[in-house]
Amino acid sequence: IYWRLLSTDPAAAKEVVLAEKPLISEETDLIEPTLLDELICHISSLASVYHKPPTAFVEG
């Protein structure tokens, strides 16, 4: 896809590459340390995406 964009419209490719990037902010200061430790243990699960402990996704 990138090669096609570069070969067909270099100006559009330049706009994509040089587009304004969003500011990246660090939100770890806003999360409780105990929850942050638990989320780090489950980094490959949805818990870390939704910033909720794994127990929040289990019924019961």
Protein backbone atom coordinates (compact mmCIF):
# COMPACT_ATOMS: atom_id res chain seq x y z
CA ILE A 1 0.00 0.00 0.00
CA TYR A 2 2.79 2.40 0.88
CA TRP A 3 4.68 1.66 -2.32
CA ARG A 4 1.53 2.26 -4.36
CA LEU A 5 1.00 5.61 -2.64
CA LEU A 6 4.62 6.61 -3.19
CA SER A 7 4.64 5.60 -6.83
CA THR A 8 1.28 7.09 -7.80
CA ASP A 9 1.12 10.30 -5.76
CA PRO A 10 4.32 11.47 -4.04
CA ALA A 11 2.62 14.67 -2.89
CA ALA A 12 -0.08 12.72 -1.04
CA ALA A 13 2.59 10.49 0.49
CA LYS A 14 4.41 13.59 1.70
CA GLU A 15 1.20 14.89 3.30
CA VAL A 16 0.69 11.58 5.10
CA VAL A 17 4.25 11.39 6.40
CA LEU A 18 4.51 15.04 7.40
CA ALA A 19 0.99 15.35 8.84
CA GLU A 20 0.64 16.86 12.29
CA LYS A 21 0.96 14.16 14.92
CA PRO A 22 -1.22 14.08 18.04
CA LEU A 23 0.41 14.84 21.37
CA ILE A 24 1.32 11.71 23.29
CA SER A 25 0.51 12.02 26.96
CA GLU A 26 1.48 9.80 29.84
CA GLU A 27 -1.58 8.76 31.82
CA THR A 28 0.14 6.43 34.27
CA ASP A 29 0.13 9.18 36.91
CA LEU A 30 -3.68 9.15 36.87
CA ILE A 31 -4.00 5.41 37.66
CA GLU A 32 -3.78 4.05 41.19
CA PRO A 33 -0.42 2.31 41.75
CA THR A 34 -2.03 -1.00 42.78
CA LEU A 35 -4.23 -1.05 39.67
CA LEU A 36 -1.25 -0.09 37.51
CA ASP A 37 0.75 -3.03 38.89
CA GLU A 38 -2.15 -5.39 38.15
CA LEU A 39 -2.58 -4.03 34.62
CA ILE A 40 1.13 -4.48 33.93
CA CYS A 41 0.82 -8.14 34.95
CA HIS A 42 -2.00 -8.51 32.40
CA ILE A 43 -0.52 -6.32 29.65
CA SER A 44 -1.51 -8.73 26.87
CA SER A 45 -5.19 -8.78 27.83
CA LEU A 46 -8.14 -6.44 27.46
CA ALA A 47 -7.67 -5.39 31.06
CA SER A 48 -4.72 -3.20 30.12
CA VAL A 49 -6.61 -1.73 27.16
CA TYR A 50 -9.69 -0.73 29.18
CA HIS A 51 -7.74 0.12 32.36
CA LYS A 52 -9.89 -2.25 34.42
CA PRO A 53 -8.81 -5.28 36.45
CA PRO A 54 -9.43 -8.69 34.83
CA THR A 55 -12.06 -9.47 37.46
CA ALA A 56 -14.25 -6.71 35.98
CA PHE A 57 -14.75 -8.84 32.86
CA VAL A 58 -15.95 -11.97 34.68
CA GLU A 59 -19.59 -12.47 35.57
CA GLY A 60 -20.49 -13.29 39.11
